[in-house]
Structures are given as C-alpha cells and as structure tokens.
Protein backbone atom coordinates (compact mmCIF):
# COMPACT_ATOMS: atom_id res chain seq x y z
CA MET A 1 0.00 0.00 0.00
CA LEU A 2 3.00 2.25 -0.45
CA SER A 3 1.35 3.91 -3.46
CA ARG A 4 -2.34 3.36 -2.81
CA ASN A 5 -2.75 5.39 0.37
CA PRO A 6 -0.95 8.52 -0.89
CA ALA A 7 -2.99 8.36 -4.12
CA ASN A 8 -6.18 8.29 -2.07
CA VAL A 9 -5.03 11.19 0.12
CA ILE A 10 -4.51 13.44 -2.90
CA ARG A 11 -7.77 12.17 -4.42
CA VAL A 12 -6.36 10.43 -7.51
CA GLY A 13 -6.93 6.90 -6.22
CA ASP A 14 -9.45 6.21 -8.97
CA HIS A 15 -6.62 5.97 -11.54
CA LYS A 16 -3.31 5.95 -9.58
CA GLY A 17 -1.80 3.86 -6.80
CA LEU A 18 -2.28 0.33 -8.15
CA LEU A 19 -0.79 -1.84 -10.86
CA ALA A 20 -4.15 -2.97 -12.20
CA GLU A 21 -6.23 -2.75 -15.36
CA GLY A 22 -7.66 0.74 -15.83
CA TYR A 23 -5.00 2.43 -13.67
CA ASP A 24 -2.07 4.53 -14.86
CA ALA A 25 0.99 2.30 -14.74
CA ASP A 26 3.97 4.57 -14.11
CA PHE A 27 6.81 2.82 -12.31
CA VAL A 28 10.56 2.24 -12.21
CA ILE A 29 12.37 -1.06 -11.63
CA LEU A 30 15.67 -0.70 -9.78
CA ASP A 31 18.61 -3.05 -9.30
CA LYS A 32 18.40 -4.28 -5.70
CA GLU A 33 22.11 -3.90 -4.99
CA ASN A 34 23.03 -0.45 -6.32
CA LEU A 35 19.57 1.03 -7.09
CA GLU A 36 20.49 1.51 -10.76
CA VAL A 37 17.45 2.03 -13.00
CA GLN A 38 16.71 -1.17 -14.95
CA GLN A 39 13.36 -0.28 -16.54
CA THR A 40 11.00 2.70 -16.70
CA TRP A 41 7.30 2.31 -17.56
CA ILE A 42 4.90 5.18 -18.27
CA SER A 43 1.18 4.64 -18.85
CA GLY A 44 1.80 0.91 -19.13
CA LYS A 45 4.44 1.24 -21.87
CA GLU A 46 8.11 0.45 -21.44
CA TYR A 47 10.19 3.58 -22.18
CA TYR A 48 13.59 2.45 -20.93
CA ASN A 49 15.23 -0.94 -20.50
CA ILE A 50 18.91 -1.17 -19.61
CA ASN A 51 19.16 -4.45 -21.56
CA LYS A 52 17.86 -3.06 -24.87
C-alpha cells in the first residue's frame, strides 16, 4: 500500500496507486544492490530498458 494510500489522500486513487487494469501504470524497476534504474514504464508502456 505504499502507493495506494498517498494516491487516495490526494484524491487520484481512482486511476493511480495500483498496478491494475484501468489504472495509470507509471513505475521504475531498480537493481536491488546499487539502485540503478533497470526499466521505466509510463502509462503501461516500457520507455527504458537497460538491456535493450
């Protein structure tokens, strides 16, 4: 609920705060050891992938 509760507080919980159908899917995947960005997704589309 790290994203869900803040989204509800600022009243955008109807389309933000979850990775679910119908919600905006903006997120970043980080390497667990050095926190280097591995992937970036915006509106459910991959915009960056370190391996591509």
